[in-house]
Amino acid sequence: MATKRVQPASRKPRADAERNRDRILQVAKEAFTRFGAEASLDEIAKQSEVGAGTLYRHFPTREALIEAVYRTEVAKLAAAERKFAESMPPIEALRAWMKLFVEYIAAKKLIAPVLNTLLGGASKVFESSHVQIWDAIRALVQRAIASGDIREDLDPLDLLRALIGVANVAASPDWQQSAQRLVDILITGSRPTK
């Protein structure tokens, strides 16, 4: 009689494995920001204080690591919306989230070209992130409108377009500082007229 092999139930990763993964993602984000998508994976492993085998166990390819960094940044934006909404006045929550969005744009600018070269393109990755970003900014704007902090006719998409526009036309390396200043200008311009 043949015995049937039982597959082990999937289990939650160990805490140290999760910490290693998180540390790799943080170091990779910094490396990709500084050196571009061709940053040394060996150096990322070294800076993460893990061996190359640990890095490749979590992220078998450069593309997998880049995609994971991108998805992590989007998840941080979504989580920040909830955290800021719970802990800050509506207008300050919106301002803080928009400043975080500028950092997201910087990461996306470096990562997007590589994601676009992945088999099948990056459309699935970008599509799911678009929904999360849109939901976050819409919730923050609606909350700020309800509090009377910003004009009722403000379209959340206008805020995103302005910040993305600065990133796309800015050729200088200090575009992020300009975008951070633009957040304050946009918030001031979004206040109700008296």
C-alpha atoms as a PDB file:
ATOM      1  CA  MET A   1       0.000   0.000   0.000  1.00  0.00           C
ATOM      2  CA  ALA A   2       1.417   3.379  -1.041  1.00  0.00           C
ATOM      3  CA  THR A   3       1.538   6.062   1.566  1.00  0.00           C
ATOM      4  CA  LYS A   4       0.425   9.520   0.690  1.00  0.00           C
ATOM      5  CA  ARG A   5       2.839  12.305   1.518  1.00  0.00           C
ATOM      6  CA  VAL A   6       1.298  15.024   3.645  1.00  0.00           C
ATOM      7  CA  GLN A   7       2.351  18.573   2.830  1.00  0.00           C
ATOM      8  CA  PRO A   8       3.238  20.606   5.892  1.00  0.00           C
ATOM      9  CA  ALA A   9       0.928  23.509   6.600  1.00  0.00           C
ATOM     10  CA  SER A  10       2.382  26.844   5.659  1.00  0.00           C
ATOM     11  CA  ARG A  11       3.663  28.572   8.707  1.00  0.00           C
ATOM     12  CA  LYS A  12       4.372  32.115   9.619  1.00  0.00           C
ATOM     13  CA  PRO A  13       7.993  33.133   9.039  1.00  0.00           C
ATOM     14  CA  ARG A  14      10.198  33.249  12.108  1.00  0.00           C
ATOM     15  CA  ALA A  15      10.662  36.642  13.753  1.00  0.00           C
ATOM     16  CA  ASP A  16      14.361  36.778  12.870  1.00  0.00           C
ATOM     17  CA  ALA A  17      13.585  35.982   9.240  1.00  0.00           C
ATOM     18  CA  GLU A  18      11.048  38.824   9.172  1.00  0.00           C
ATOM     19  CA  ARG A  19      13.587  41.210  10.707  1.00  0.00           C
ATOM     20  CA  ASN A  20      16.175  40.164   8.109  1.00  0.00           C
ATOM     21  CA  ARG A  21      13.686  40.706   5.299  1.00  0.00           C
ATOM     22  CA  ASP A  22      12.673  44.133   6.612  1.00  0.00           C
ATOM     23  CA  ARG A  23      16.306  45.177   7.069  1.00  0.00           C
ATOM     24  CA  ILE A  24      17.158  44.037   3.525  1.00  0.00           C
ATOM     25  CA  LEU A  25      14.263  46.048   2.112  1.00  0.00           C
ATOM     26  CA  GLN A  26      15.293  49.201   3.978  1.00  0.00           C
ATOM     27  CA  VAL A  27      18.929  48.924   2.934  1.00  0.00           C
ATOM     28  CA  ALA A  28      17.909  48.094  -0.652  1.00  0.00           C
ATOM     29  CA  LYS A  29      15.678  51.169  -0.835  1.00  0.00           C
ATOM     30  CA  GLU A  30      18.555  53.364   0.305  1.00  0.00           C
ATOM     31  CA  ALA A  31      20.980  51.670  -2.103  1.00  0.00           C
ATOM     32  CA  PHE A  32      18.634  51.957  -5.082  1.00  0.00           C
ATOM     33  CA  THR A  33      18.016  55.616  -4.212  1.00  0.00           C
ATOM     34  CA  ARG A  34      21.742  56.381  -4.063  1.00  0.00           C
ATOM     35  CA  PHE A  35      23.111  54.123  -6.810  1.00  0.00           C
ATOM     36  CA  GLY A  36      20.147  53.275  -9.024  1.00  0.00           C
ATOM     37  CA  ALA A  37      18.696  49.897  -9.878  1.00  0.00           C
ATOM     38  CA  GLU A  38      22.157  48.436 -10.504  1.00  0.00           C
ATOM     39  CA  ALA A  39      23.227  48.799  -6.860  1.00  0.00           C
ATOM     40  CA  SER A  40      25.379  45.906  -5.690  1.00  0.00           C
ATOM     41  CA  LEU A  41      23.294  43.120  -4.177  1.00  0.00           C
ATOM     42  CA  ASP A  42      26.353  41.847  -2.320  1.00  0.00           C
ATOM     43  CA  GLU A  43      26.773  45.290  -0.760  1.00  0.00           C
ATOM     44  CA  ILE A  44      23.055  45.348   0.145  1.00  0.00           C
ATOM     45  CA  ALA A  45      23.475  41.993   1.894  1.00  0.00           C
ATOM     46  CA  LYS A  46      26.585  43.224   3.700  1.00  0.00           C
ATOM     47  CA  GLN A  47      24.935  46.472   4.838  1.00  0.00           C
ATOM     48  CA  SER A  48      21.890  44.453   5.962  1.00  0.00           C
ATOM     49  CA  GLU A  49      24.214  42.274   8.066  1.00  0.00           C
ATOM     50  CA  VAL A  50      23.059  39.084   6.328  1.00  0.00           C
ATOM     51  CA  GLY A  51      24.788  36.683   3.993  1.00  0.00           C
ATOM     52  CA  ALA A  52      24.151  36.699   0.259  1.00  0.00           C
ATOM     53  CA  GLY A  53      22.286  33.390   0.678  1.00  0.00           C
ATOM     54  CA  THR A  54      19.793  35.035   3.048  1.00  0.00           C
ATOM     55  CA  LEU A  55      19.221  37.884   0.601  1.00  0.00           C
ATOM     56  CA  TYR A  56      18.630  35.458  -2.283  1.00  0.00           C
ATOM     57  CA  ARG A  57      16.411  33.218  -0.152  1.00  0.00           C
ATOM     58  CA  HIS A  58      14.072  36.178   0.381  1.00  0.00           C
ATOM     59  CA  PHE A  59      14.585  37.747  -3.071  1.00  0.00           C
ATOM     60  CA  PRO A  60      15.807  35.267  -5.700  1.00  0.00           C
ATOM     61  CA  THR A  61      16.396  37.977  -8.328  1.00  0.00           C
ATOM     62  CA  ARG A  62      17.243  41.663  -8.485  1.00  0.00           C
ATOM     63  CA  GLU A  63      13.804  42.255  -9.983  1.00  0.00           C
ATOM     64  CA  ALA A  64      12.117  40.496  -7.061  1.00  0.00           C
ATOM     65  CA  LEU A  65      13.971  42.744  -4.624  1.00  0.00           C
ATOM     66  CA  ILE A  66      13.138  45.892  -6.567  1.00  0.00           C
ATOM     67  CA  GLU A  67       9.470  44.933  -6.791  1.00  0.00           C
ATOM     68  CA  ALA A  68       9.385  44.155  -3.059  1.00  0.00           C
ATOM     69  CA  VAL A  69      10.919  47.558  -2.250  1.00  0.00           C
ATOM     70  CA  TYR A  70       8.280  49.234  -4.410  1.00  0.00           C
ATOM     71  CA  ARG A  71       5.385  47.301  -2.855  1.00  0.00           C
ATOM     72  CA  THR A  72       6.738  48.057   0.629  1.00  0.00           C
ATOM     73  CA  GLU A  73       6.776  51.787  -0.122  1.00  0.00           C
ATOM     74  CA  VAL A  74       3.167  51.642  -1.317  1.00  0.00           C
ATOM     75  CA  ALA A  75       2.138  49.708   1.792  1.00  0.00           C
ATOM     76  CA  LYS A  76       3.845  52.353   3.962  1.00  0.00           C
ATOM     77  CA  LEU A  77       1.830  55.072   2.221  1.00  0.00           C
ATOM     78  CA  ALA A  78      -1.422  53.215   2.838  1.00  0.00           C
ATOM     79  CA  ALA A  79      -0.557  52.550   6.490  1.00  0.00           C
ATOM     80  CA  ALA A  80       0.581  56.148   6.990  1.00  0.00           C
ATOM     81  CA  GLU A  81      -2.823  57.438   5.910  1.00  0.00           C
ATOM     82  CA  ARG A  82      -4.487  55.517   8.721  1.00  0.00           C
ATOM     83  CA  LYS A  83      -1.819  56.399  11.285  1.00  0.00           C
ATOM     84  CA  PHE A  84      -1.820  60.102  10.404  1.00  0.00           C
ATOM     85  CA  ALA A  85      -5.638  60.266  10.365  1.00  0.00           C
ATOM     86  CA  GLU A  86      -5.767  58.799  13.873  1.00  0.00           C
ATOM     87  CA  SER A  87      -3.013  60.925  15.390  1.00  0.00           C
ATOM     88  CA  MET A  88      -3.087  64.333  13.666  1.00  0.00           C
ATOM     89  CA  PRO A  89      -5.534  67.099  12.831  1.00  0.00           C
ATOM     90  CA  PRO A  90      -6.928  66.605   9.285  1.00  0.00           C
ATOM     91  CA  ILE A  91      -4.851  69.292   7.563  1.00  0.00           C
ATOM     92  CA  GLU A  92      -1.626  68.133   9.233  1.00  0.00           C
ATOM     93  CA  ALA A  93      -2.374  64.508   8.363  1.00  0.00           C
ATOM     94  CA  LEU A  94      -2.789  65.508   4.722  1.00  0.00           C
ATOM     95  CA  ARG A  95       0.444  67.552   4.779  1.00  0.00           C
ATOM     96  CA  ALA A  96       2.446  64.734   6.400  1.00  0.00           C
ATOM     97  CA  TRP A  97       1.106  62.169   3.936  1.00  0.00           C
ATOM     98  CA  MET A  98       1.907  64.364   0.940  1.00  0.00           C
ATOM     99  CA  LYS A  99       5.494  64.786   2.179  1.00  0.00           C
ATOM    100  CA  LEU A 100       5.759  61.017   2.481  1.00  0.00           C
ATOM    101  CA  PHE A 101       4.344  60.753  -1.050  1.00  0.00           C
ATOM    102  CA  VAL A 102       7.306  62.816  -2.299  1.00  0.00           C
ATOM    103  CA  GLU A 103       9.643  60.143  -0.897  1.00  0.00           C
ATOM    104  CA  TYR A 104       7.538  57.493  -2.620  1.00  0.00           C
ATOM    105  CA  ILE A 105       7.893  59.324  -5.942  1.00  0.00           C
ATOM    106  CA  ALA A 106      11.673  59.359  -5.525  1.00  0.00           C
ATOM    107  CA  ALA A 107      11.732  55.587  -4.978  1.00  0.00           C
ATOM    108  CA  LYS A 108       9.352  55.002  -7.875  1.00  0.00           C
ATOM    109  CA  LYS A 109      11.438  57.129 -10.263  1.00  0.00           C
ATOM    110  CA  LEU A 110      14.395  54.833  -9.689  1.00  0.00           C
ATOM    111  CA  ILE A 111      12.466  51.600  -9.602  1.00  0.00           C
ATOM    112  CA  ALA A 112       9.961  52.157 -12.427  1.00  0.00           C
ATOM    113  CA  PRO A 113      12.403  51.599 -15.317  1.00  0.00           C
ATOM    114  CA  VAL A 114      13.387  48.219 -13.910  1.00  0.00           C
ATOM    115  CA  LEU A 115       9.797  47.247 -13.154  1.00  0.00           C
ATOM    116  CA  ASN A 116       8.880  48.145 -16.732  1.00  0.00           C
ATOM    117  CA  THR A 117      11.430  45.653 -18.042  1.00  0.00           C
ATOM    118  CA  LEU A 118      10.034  42.745 -16.050  1.00  0.00           C
ATOM    119  CA  LEU A 119       8.355  40.015 -18.019  1.00  0.00           C
ATOM    120  CA  GLY A 120       4.823  41.238 -18.622  1.00  0.00           C
ATOM    121  CA  GLY A 121       5.698  44.772 -17.552  1.00  0.00           C
ATOM    122  CA  ALA A 122       4.930  46.514 -14.332  1.00  0.00           C
ATOM    123  CA  SER A 123       1.293  47.294 -15.050  1.00  0.00           C
ATOM    124  CA  LYS A 124      -0.015  44.824 -12.434  1.00  0.00           C
ATOM    125  CA  VAL A 125       2.310  46.219  -9.769  1.00  0.00           C
ATOM    126  CA  PHE A 126       1.432  49.825 -10.616  1.00  0.00           C
ATOM    127  CA  GLU A 127      -2.278  49.050 -10.948  1.00  0.00           C
ATOM    128  CA  SER A 128      -2.602  47.727  -7.406  1.00  0.00           C
ATOM    129  CA  SER A 129      -0.517  50.582  -6.015  1.00  0.00           C
ATOM    130  CA  HIS A 130      -2.646  53.159  -7.809  1.00  0.00           C
ATOM    131  CA  VAL A 131      -5.744  51.985  -5.941  1.00  0.00           C
ATOM    132  CA  GLN A 132      -4.020  52.129  -2.543  1.00  0.00           C
ATOM    133  CA  ILE A 133      -2.595  55.609  -3.180  1.00  0.00           C
ATOM    134  CA  TRP A 134      -5.877  56.949  -4.526  1.00  0.00           C
ATOM    135  CA  ASP A 135      -7.828  55.582  -1.542  1.00  0.00           C
ATOM    136  CA  ALA A 136      -5.353  57.143   0.899  1.00  0.00           C
ATOM    137  CA  ILE A 137      -5.291  60.658  -0.588  1.00  0.00           C
ATOM    138  CA  ARG A 138      -9.062  60.661  -1.117  1.00  0.00           C
ATOM    139  CA  ALA A 139      -9.710  59.724   2.528  1.00  0.00           C
ATOM    140  CA  LEU A 140      -7.339  62.402   3.808  1.00  0.00           C
ATOM    141  CA  VAL A 141      -8.809  65.099   1.562  1.00  0.00           C
ATOM    142  CA  GLN A 142     -12.383  64.149   2.489  1.00  0.00           C
ATOM    143  CA  ARG A 143     -11.467  64.346   6.160  1.00  0.00           C
ATOM    144  CA  ALA A 144      -9.848  67.786   5.696  1.00  0.00           C
ATOM    145  CA  ILE A 145     -12.888  69.024   3.744  1.00  0.00           C
ATOM    146  CA  ALA A 146     -15.232  67.757   6.469  1.00  0.00           C
ATOM    147  CA  SER A 147     -13.203  69.635   9.101  1.00  0.00           C
ATOM    148  CA  GLY A 148     -13.365  72.843   7.058  1.00  0.00           C
ATOM    149  CA  ASP A 149      -9.566  72.955   6.690  1.00  0.00           C
ATOM    150  CA  ILE A 150      -9.609  72.861   2.892  1.00  0.00           C
ATOM    151  CA  ARG A 151     -11.952  73.909   0.102  1.00  0.00           C
ATOM    152  CA  GLU A 152     -14.856  71.677  -0.794  1.00  0.00           C
ATOM    153  CA  ASP A 153     -13.992  71.738  -4.499  1.00  0.00           C
ATOM    154  CA  LEU A 154     -10.480  70.351  -4.047  1.00  0.00           C
ATOM    155  CA  ASP A 155      -9.834  67.306  -6.213  1.00  0.00           C
ATOM    156  CA  PRO A 156      -7.351  64.947  -4.525  1.00  0.00           C
ATOM    157  CA  LEU A 157      -5.950  64.075  -7.928  1.00  0.00           C
ATOM    158  CA  ASP A 158      -4.829  67.687  -8.401  1.00  0.00           C
ATOM    159  CA  LEU A 159      -2.544  67.381  -5.392  1.00  0.00           C
ATOM    160  CA  LEU A 160      -0.990  64.175  -6.698  1.00  0.00           C
ATOM    161  CA  ARG A 161      -0.579  65.608 -10.196  1.00  0.00           C
ATOM    162  CA  ALA A 162       1.228  68.682  -8.873  1.00  0.00           C
ATOM    163  CA  LEU A 163       3.724  66.601  -6.897  1.00  0.00           C
ATOM    164  CA  ILE A 164       4.274  64.103  -9.695  1.00  0.00           C
ATOM    165  CA  GLY A 165       4.687  66.994 -12.133  1.00  0.00           C
ATOM    166  CA  VAL A 166       7.538  68.478 -10.104  1.00  0.00           C
ATOM    167  CA  ALA A 167       9.274  65.098 -10.109  1.00  0.00           C
ATOM    168  CA  ASN A 168       8.884  64.690 -13.873  1.00  0.00           C
ATOM    169  CA  VAL A 169      10.098  68.129 -14.938  1.00  0.00           C
ATOM    170  CA  ALA A 170      12.818  68.611 -12.378  1.00  0.00           C
ATOM    171  CA  ALA A 171      16.210  67.782 -13.804  1.00  0.00           C
ATOM    172  CA  SER A 172      18.135  68.907 -10.770  1.00  0.00           C
ATOM    173  CA  PRO A 173      19.054  66.569  -7.938  1.00  0.00           C
ATOM    174  CA  ASP A 174      17.281  68.825  -5.432  1.00  0.00           C
ATOM    175  CA  TRP A 175      13.814  68.305  -6.901  1.00  0.00           C
ATOM    176  CA  GLN A 176      12.722  66.579  -3.680  1.00  0.00           C
ATOM    177  CA  GLN A 177      13.334  69.726  -1.627  1.00  0.00           C
ATOM    178  CA  SER A 178      11.314  71.689  -4.185  1.00  0.00           C
ATOM    179  CA  ALA A 179       8.506  69.132  -3.975  1.00  0.00           C
ATOM    180  CA  GLN A 180       8.547  69.287  -0.161  1.00  0.00           C
ATOM    181  CA  ARG A 181       8.122  73.092  -0.368  1.00  0.00           C
ATOM    182  CA  LEU A 182       5.366  72.605  -2.918  1.00  0.00           C
ATOM    183  CA  VAL A 183       3.420  70.539  -0.368  1.00  0.00           C
ATOM    184  CA  ASP A 184       3.171  73.591   1.892  1.00  0.00           C
ATOM    185  CA  ILE A 185       2.197  75.814  -1.050  1.00  0.00           C
ATOM    186  CA  LEU A 186      -0.507  73.349  -2.111  1.00  0.00           C
ATOM    187  CA  ILE A 187      -1.889  73.122   1.432  1.00  0.00           C
ATOM    188  CA  THR A 188      -1.986  76.926   1.736  1.00  0.00           C
ATOM    189  CA  GLY A 189      -3.660  77.242  -1.665  1.00  0.00           C
ATOM    190  CA  SER A 190      -6.235  74.600  -0.722  1.00  0.00           C
ATOM    191  CA  ARG A 191      -7.544  76.515   2.279  1.00  0.00           C
ATOM    192  CA  PRO A 192     -11.074  77.894   1.979  1.00  0.00           C
ATOM    193  CA  THR A 193     -11.339  81.470   0.764  1.00  0.00           C
ATOM    194  CA  LYS A 194     -12.754  83.833   3.350  1.00  0.00           C
END
